[in-house]
């Protein structure tokens, strides 16, 4: 499972780089075609490592790469 979370984290990273803006969680779910739970775990991983900023209240968080 940890490998899948890491792979999804990499996909999120590339998605955010490509779109160069604040992305909604729902937009990433549609664009990356991943389950919501998987994306939430991966975003948590990236946030814990300081790579992304997560803003807002659920259910539709906004995520952007830390500059």
PDB file of N, CA and C in Angstrom:
ATOM      1  N   UNK A   1       0.814  -1.198   0.000  1.00  0.00           N
ATOM      2  CA  UNK A   1       0.000   0.000   0.000  1.00  0.00           C
ATOM      3  C   UNK A   1       0.858   1.263   0.000  1.00  0.00           C
ATOM      4  N   UNK A   2       1.953   1.259   0.756  1.00  0.00           N
ATOM      5  CA  UNK A   2       2.804   2.440   0.835  1.00  0.00           C
ATOM      6  C   UNK A   2       3.379   2.792  -0.538  1.00  0.00           C
ATOM      7  N   UNK A   3       3.649   1.778  -1.346  1.00  0.00           N
ATOM      8  CA  UNK A   3       4.160   2.020  -2.695  1.00  0.00           C
ATOM      9  C   UNK A   3       3.111   2.725  -3.547  1.00  0.00           C
ATOM     10  N   UNK A   4       1.855   2.291  -3.452  1.00  0.00           N
ATOM     11  CA  UNK A   4       0.771   2.919  -4.216  1.00  0.00           C
ATOM     12  C   UNK A   4       0.573   4.366  -3.792  1.00  0.00           C
ATOM     13  N   UNK A   5       0.676   4.627  -2.504  1.00  0.00           N
ATOM     14  CA  UNK A   5       0.537   5.996  -1.993  1.00  0.00           C
ATOM     15  C   UNK A   5       1.668   6.863  -2.544  1.00  0.00           C
ATOM     16  N   UNK A   6       2.877   6.335  -2.543  1.00  0.00           N
ATOM     17  CA  UNK A   6       4.022   7.075  -3.074  1.00  0.00           C
ATOM     18  C   UNK A   6       3.903   7.360  -4.559  1.00  0.00           C
ATOM     19  N   UNK A   7       3.431   6.392  -5.314  1.00  0.00           N
ATOM     20  CA  UNK A   7       3.237   6.592  -6.754  1.00  0.00           C
ATOM     21  C   UNK A   7       2.174   7.659  -6.995  1.00  0.00           C
ATOM     22  N   UNK A   8       1.081   7.581  -6.256  1.00  0.00           N
ATOM     23  CA  UNK A   8       0.023   8.584  -6.398  1.00  0.00           C
ATOM     24  C   UNK A   8       0.530   9.970  -6.000  1.00  0.00           C
ATOM     25  N   UNK A   9       1.398  10.040  -4.982  1.00  0.00           N
ATOM     26  CA  UNK A   9       1.982  11.321  -4.571  1.00  0.00           C
ATOM     27  C   UNK A   9       2.798  11.922  -5.714  1.00  0.00           C
ATOM     28  N   UNK A  10       3.541  11.086  -6.413  1.00  0.00           N
ATOM     29  CA  UNK A  10       4.299  11.559  -7.566  1.00  0.00           C
ATOM     30  C   UNK A  10       3.391  12.062  -8.672  1.00  0.00           C
ATOM     31  N   UNK A  11       2.298  11.370  -8.900  1.00  0.00           N
ATOM     32  CA  UNK A  11       1.338  11.798  -9.921  1.00  0.00           C
ATOM     33  C   UNK A  11       0.703  13.138  -9.534  1.00  0.00           C
ATOM     34  N   UNK A  12       0.408  13.313  -8.251  1.00  0.00           N
ATOM     35  CA  UNK A  12      -0.152  14.586  -7.780  1.00  0.00           C
ATOM     36  C   UNK A  12       0.856  15.704  -8.002  1.00  0.00           C
ATOM     37  N   UNK A  13       2.104  15.439  -7.646  1.00  0.00           N
ATOM     38  CA  UNK A  13       3.168  16.435  -7.814  1.00  0.00           C
ATOM     39  C   UNK A  13       3.219  16.906  -9.272  1.00  0.00           C
ATOM     40  N   UNK A  14       3.253  15.953 -10.209  1.00  0.00           N
ATOM     41  CA  UNK A  14       3.317  16.294 -11.632  1.00  0.00           C
ATOM     42  C   UNK A  14       2.053  17.013 -12.091  1.00  0.00           C
ATOM     43  N   UNK A  15       0.907  16.609 -11.579  1.00  0.00           N
ATOM     44  CA  UNK A  15      -0.365  17.255 -11.913  1.00  0.00           C
ATOM     45  C   UNK A  15      -0.330  18.723 -11.497  1.00  0.00           C
ATOM     46  N   UNK A  16       0.138  18.974 -10.278  1.00  0.00           N
ATOM     47  CA  UNK A  16       0.195  20.347  -9.779  1.00  0.00           C
ATOM     48  C   UNK A  16       1.220  21.183 -10.556  1.00  0.00           C
ATOM     49  N   UNK A  17       2.350  20.599 -10.915  1.00  0.00           N
ATOM     50  CA  UNK A  17       3.342  21.311 -11.726  1.00  0.00           C
ATOM     51  C   UNK A  17       2.759  21.680 -13.084  1.00  0.00           C
ATOM     52  N   UNK A  18       2.061  20.752 -13.686  1.00  0.00           N
ATOM     53  CA  UNK A  18       1.492  20.965 -15.021  1.00  0.00           C
ATOM     54  C   UNK A  18       0.424  22.049 -15.004  1.00  0.00           C
ATOM     55  N   UNK A  19      -0.406  22.050 -13.972  1.00  0.00           N
ATOM     56  CA  UNK A  19      -1.522  22.989 -13.928  1.00  0.00           C
ATOM     57  C   UNK A  19      -1.156  24.324 -13.292  1.00  0.00           C
ATOM     58  N   UNK A  20      -0.030  24.375 -12.582  1.00  0.00           N
ATOM     59  CA  UNK A  20       0.543  25.607 -12.050  1.00  0.00           C
ATOM     60  C   UNK A  20      -0.503  26.536 -11.425  1.00  0.00           C
ATOM     61  N   UNK A  21      -1.358  25.970 -10.636  1.00  0.00           N
ATOM     62  CA  UNK A  21      -2.386  26.752  -9.959  1.00  0.00           C
ATOM     63  C   UNK A  21      -2.883  25.966  -8.758  1.00  0.00           C
ATOM     64  N   UNK A  22      -3.755  26.602  -8.007  1.00  0.00           N
ATOM     65  CA  UNK A  22      -4.396  25.890  -6.905  1.00  0.00           C
ATOM     66  C   UNK A  22      -5.429  24.949  -7.507  1.00  0.00           C
ATOM     67  N   UNK A  23      -5.351  23.699  -7.156  1.00  0.00           N
ATOM     68  CA  UNK A  23      -6.272  22.694  -7.693  1.00  0.00           C
ATOM     69  C   UNK A  23      -7.195  22.196  -6.592  1.00  0.00           C
ATOM     70  N   UNK A  24      -8.407  21.927  -6.962  1.00  0.00           N
ATOM     71  CA  UNK A  24      -9.349  21.353  -6.007  1.00  0.00           C
ATOM     72  C   UNK A  24      -9.146  19.844  -5.940  1.00  0.00           C
ATOM     73  N   UNK A  25      -9.499  19.289  -4.821  1.00  0.00           N
ATOM     74  CA  UNK A  25      -9.415  17.843  -4.655  1.00  0.00           C
ATOM     75  C   UNK A  25     -10.292  17.144  -5.686  1.00  0.00           C
ATOM     76  N   UNK A  26     -11.495  17.647  -5.886  1.00  0.00           N
ATOM     77  CA  UNK A  26     -12.394  17.020  -6.862  1.00  0.00           C
ATOM     78  C   UNK A  26     -11.817  17.082  -8.265  1.00  0.00           C
ATOM     79  N   UNK A  27     -11.155  18.184  -8.611  1.00  0.00           N
ATOM     80  CA  UNK A  27     -10.520  18.301  -9.924  1.00  0.00           C
ATOM     81  C   UNK A  27      -9.410  17.277 -10.105  1.00  0.00           C
ATOM     82  N   UNK A  28      -8.638  17.046  -9.028  1.00  0.00           N
ATOM     83  CA  UNK A  28      -7.574  16.053  -9.111  1.00  0.00           C
ATOM     84  C   UNK A  28      -8.140  14.645  -9.206  1.00  0.00           C
ATOM     85  N   UNK A  29      -9.223  14.368  -8.502  1.00  0.00           N
ATOM     86  CA  UNK A  29      -9.840  13.039  -8.568  1.00  0.00           C
ATOM     87  C   UNK A  29     -10.260  12.745 -10.000  1.00  0.00           C
ATOM     88  N   UNK A  30     -10.883  13.724 -10.643  1.00  0.00           N
ATOM     89  CA  UNK A  30     -11.321  13.530 -12.031  1.00  0.00           C
ATOM     90  C   UNK A  30     -10.132  13.446 -12.982  1.00  0.00           C
ATOM     91  N   UNK A  31      -9.168  14.327 -12.804  1.00  0.00           N
ATOM     92  CA  UNK A  31      -8.035  14.392 -13.716  1.00  0.00           C
ATOM     93  C   UNK A  31      -7.070  13.225 -13.587  1.00  0.00           C
ATOM     94  N   UNK A  32      -6.888  12.737 -12.370  1.00  0.00           N
ATOM     95  CA  UNK A  32      -5.931  11.652 -12.142  1.00  0.00           C
ATOM     96  C   UNK A  32      -6.582  10.277 -12.130  1.00  0.00           C
ATOM     97  N   UNK A  33      -7.910  10.259 -12.068  1.00  0.00           N
ATOM     98  CA  UNK A  33      -8.659   8.996 -12.069  1.00  0.00           C
ATOM     99  C   UNK A  33      -8.172   8.048 -10.967  1.00  0.00           C
ATOM    100  N   UNK A  34      -8.092   8.596  -9.754  1.00  0.00           N
ATOM    101  CA  UNK A  34      -7.692   7.833  -8.570  1.00  0.00           C
ATOM    102  C   UNK A  34      -8.799   7.941  -7.529  1.00  0.00           C
ATOM    103  N   UNK A  35      -8.924   6.954  -6.668  1.00  0.00           N
ATOM    104  CA  UNK A  35      -9.917   7.039  -5.599  1.00  0.00           C
ATOM    105  C   UNK A  35      -9.591   8.191  -4.638  1.00  0.00           C
ATOM    106  N   UNK A  36     -10.628   8.804  -4.119  1.00  0.00           N
ATOM    107  CA  UNK A  36     -10.497   9.931  -3.197  1.00  0.00           C
ATOM    108  C   UNK A  36      -9.593   9.581  -2.008  1.00  0.00           C
ATOM    109  N   UNK A  37      -9.790   8.421  -1.417  1.00  0.00           N
ATOM    110  CA  UNK A  37      -8.998   8.029  -0.251  1.00  0.00           C
ATOM    111  C   UNK A  37      -7.512   7.952  -0.587  1.00  0.00           C
ATOM    112  N   UNK A  38      -7.183   7.416  -1.750  1.00  0.00           N
ATOM    113  CA  UNK A  38      -5.782   7.311  -2.163  1.00  0.00           C
ATOM    114  C   UNK A  38      -5.174   8.698  -2.324  1.00  0.00           C
ATOM    115  N   UNK A  39      -5.918   9.613  -2.953  1.00  0.00           N
ATOM    116  CA  UNK A  39      -5.399  10.968  -3.136  1.00  0.00           C
ATOM    117  C   UNK A  39      -5.240  11.684  -1.800  1.00  0.00           C
ATOM    118  N   UNK A  40      -6.168  11.480  -0.886  1.00  0.00           N
ATOM    119  CA  UNK A  40      -6.043  12.116   0.429  1.00  0.00           C
ATOM    120  C   UNK A  40      -4.809  11.617   1.174  1.00  0.00           C
ATOM    121  N   UNK A  41      -4.549  10.322   1.120  1.00  0.00           N
ATOM    122  CA  UNK A  41      -3.352   9.786   1.777  1.00  0.00           C
ATOM    123  C   UNK A  41      -2.089  10.348   1.127  1.00  0.00           C
ATOM    124  N   UNK A  42      -2.086  10.440  -0.180  1.00  0.00           N
ATOM    125  CA  UNK A  42      -0.915  10.935  -0.900  1.00  0.00           C
ATOM    126  C   UNK A  42      -0.700  12.424  -0.663  1.00  0.00           C
ATOM    127  N   UNK A  43      -1.777  13.187  -0.611  1.00  0.00           N
ATOM    128  CA  UNK A  43      -1.666  14.615  -0.306  1.00  0.00           C
ATOM    129  C   UNK A  43      -1.139  14.795   1.115  1.00  0.00           C
ATOM    130  N   UNK A  44      -1.596  13.966   2.028  1.00  0.00           N
ATOM    131  CA  UNK A  44      -1.094  14.011   3.398  1.00  0.00           C
ATOM    132  C   UNK A  44       0.398  13.751   3.453  1.00  0.00           C
ATOM    133  N   UNK A  45       0.858  12.794   2.678  1.00  0.00           N
ATOM    134  CA  UNK A  45       2.287  12.483   2.604  1.00  0.00           C
ATOM    135  C   UNK A  45       3.056  13.713   2.120  1.00  0.00           C
ATOM    136  N   UNK A  46       2.577  14.303   0.998  1.00  0.00           N
ATOM    137  CA  UNK A  46       3.252  15.477   0.444  1.00  0.00           C
ATOM    138  C   UNK A  46       3.216  16.660   1.410  1.00  0.00           C
ATOM    139  N   UNK A  47       2.098  16.830   2.098  1.00  0.00           N
ATOM    140  CA  UNK A  47       1.979  17.932   3.060  1.00  0.00           C
ATOM    141  C   UNK A  47       2.920  17.722   4.235  1.00  0.00           C
ATOM    142  N   UNK A  48       3.020  16.507   4.722  1.00  0.00           N
ATOM    143  CA  UNK A  48       3.895  16.203   5.853  1.00  0.00           C
ATOM    144  C   UNK A  48       5.351  16.475   5.507  1.00  0.00           C
ATOM    145  N   UNK A  49       5.722  16.216   4.256  1.00  0.00           N
ATOM    146  CA  UNK A  49       7.084  16.472   3.813  1.00  0.00           C
ATOM    147  C   UNK A  49       7.312  17.931   3.418  1.00  0.00           C
ATOM    148  N   UNK A  50       6.248  18.741   3.476  1.00  0.00           N
ATOM    149  CA  UNK A  50       6.376  20.168   3.177  1.00  0.00           C
ATOM    150  C   UNK A  50       6.380  20.512   1.701  1.00  0.00           C
ATOM    151  N   UNK A  51       5.880  19.617   0.856  1.00  0.00           N
ATOM    152  CA  UNK A  51       5.899  19.851  -0.585  1.00  0.00           C
ATOM    153  C   UNK A  51       4.641  20.542  -1.102  1.00  0.00           C
ATOM    154  N   UNK A  52       3.535  20.430  -0.378  1.00  0.00           N
ATOM    155  CA  UNK A  52       2.288  21.063  -0.809  1.00  0.00           C
ATOM    156  C   UNK A  52       1.674  21.850   0.339  1.00  0.00           C
ATOM    157  N   UNK A  53       0.802  22.767  -0.050  1.00  0.00           N
ATOM    158  CA  UNK A  53       0.004  23.528   0.909  1.00  0.00           C
ATOM    159  C   UNK A  53      -1.442  23.110   0.689  1.00  0.00           C
ATOM    160  N   UNK A  54      -2.127  22.760   1.765  1.00  0.00           N
ATOM    161  CA  UNK A  54      -3.531  22.366   1.701  1.00  0.00           C
ATOM    162  C   UNK A  54      -4.325  23.445   2.417  1.00  0.00           C
ATOM    163  N   UNK A  55      -5.336  23.984   1.738  1.00  0.00           N
ATOM    164  CA  UNK A  55      -6.150  25.058   2.301  1.00  0.00           C
ATOM    165  C   UNK A  55      -7.621  24.696   2.228  1.00  0.00           C
ATOM    166  N   UNK A  56      -8.395  25.366   3.042  1.00  0.00           N
ATOM    167  CA  UNK A  56      -9.836  25.194   3.009  1.00  0.00           C
ATOM    168  C   UNK A  56     -10.324  24.113   3.942  1.00  0.00           C
ATOM    169  N   UNK A  57     -11.607  23.953   3.915  1.00  0.00           N
ATOM    170  CA  UNK A  57     -12.291  22.962   4.735  1.00  0.00           C
ATOM    171  C   UNK A  57     -12.851  21.897   3.804  1.00  0.00           C
ATOM    172  N   UNK A  58     -13.011  20.686   4.321  1.00  0.00           N
ATOM    173  CA  UNK A  58     -13.568  19.605   3.520  1.00  0.00           C
ATOM    174  C   UNK A  58     -14.984  19.919   3.102  1.00  0.00           C
ATOM    175  N   UNK A  59     -15.511  19.296   2.142  1.00  0.00           N
ATOM    176  CA  UNK A  59     -14.957  18.124   1.479  1.00  0.00           C
ATOM    177  C   UNK A  59     -14.048  18.443   0.287  1.00  0.00           C
ATOM    178  N   UNK A  60     -13.988  19.720  -0.140  1.00  0.00           N
ATOM    179  CA  UNK A  60     -13.199  20.019  -1.336  1.00  0.00           C
ATOM    180  C   UNK A  60     -12.026  20.939  -1.004  1.00  0.00           C
ATOM    181  N   UNK A  61     -10.932  20.343  -0.566  1.00  0.00           N
ATOM    182  CA  UNK A  61      -9.733  21.091  -0.220  1.00  0.00           C
ATOM    183  C   UNK A  61      -9.078  21.657  -1.473  1.00  0.00           C
ATOM    184  N   UNK A  62      -8.275  22.699  -1.288  1.00  0.00           N
ATOM    185  CA  UNK A  62      -7.477  23.273  -2.364  1.00  0.00           C
ATOM    186  C   UNK A  62      -6.011  22.934  -2.074  1.00  0.00           C
ATOM    187  N   UNK A  63      -5.314  22.498  -3.103  1.00  0.00           N
ATOM    188  CA  UNK A  63      -3.934  22.033  -2.932  1.00  0.00           C
ATOM    189  C   UNK A  63      -3.053  22.755  -3.942  1.00  0.00           C
ATOM    190  N   UNK A  64      -1.885  23.189  -3.504  1.00  0.00           N
ATOM    191  CA  UNK A  64      -0.907  23.808  -4.398  1.00  0.00           C
ATOM    192  C   UNK A  64       0.492  23.406  -3.951  1.00  0.00           C
ATOM    193  N   UNK A  65       1.433  23.441  -4.897  1.00  0.00           N
ATOM    194  CA  UNK A  65       2.818  23.158  -4.560  1.00  0.00           C
ATOM    195  C   UNK A  65       3.368  24.300  -3.711  1.00  0.00           C
ATOM    196  N   UNK A  66       4.182  23.972  -2.735  1.00  0.00           N
ATOM    197  CA  UNK A  66       4.851  24.993  -1.935  1.00  0.00           C
ATOM    198  C   UNK A  66       5.946  25.610  -2.796  1.00  0.00           C
ATOM    199  N   UNK A  67       6.021  26.920  -2.766  1.00  0.00           N
ATOM    200  CA  UNK A  67       7.029  27.625  -3.588  1.00  0.00           C
ATOM    201  C   UNK A  67       8.255  27.909  -2.789  1.00  0.00           C
TER     202      UNK A  67
END
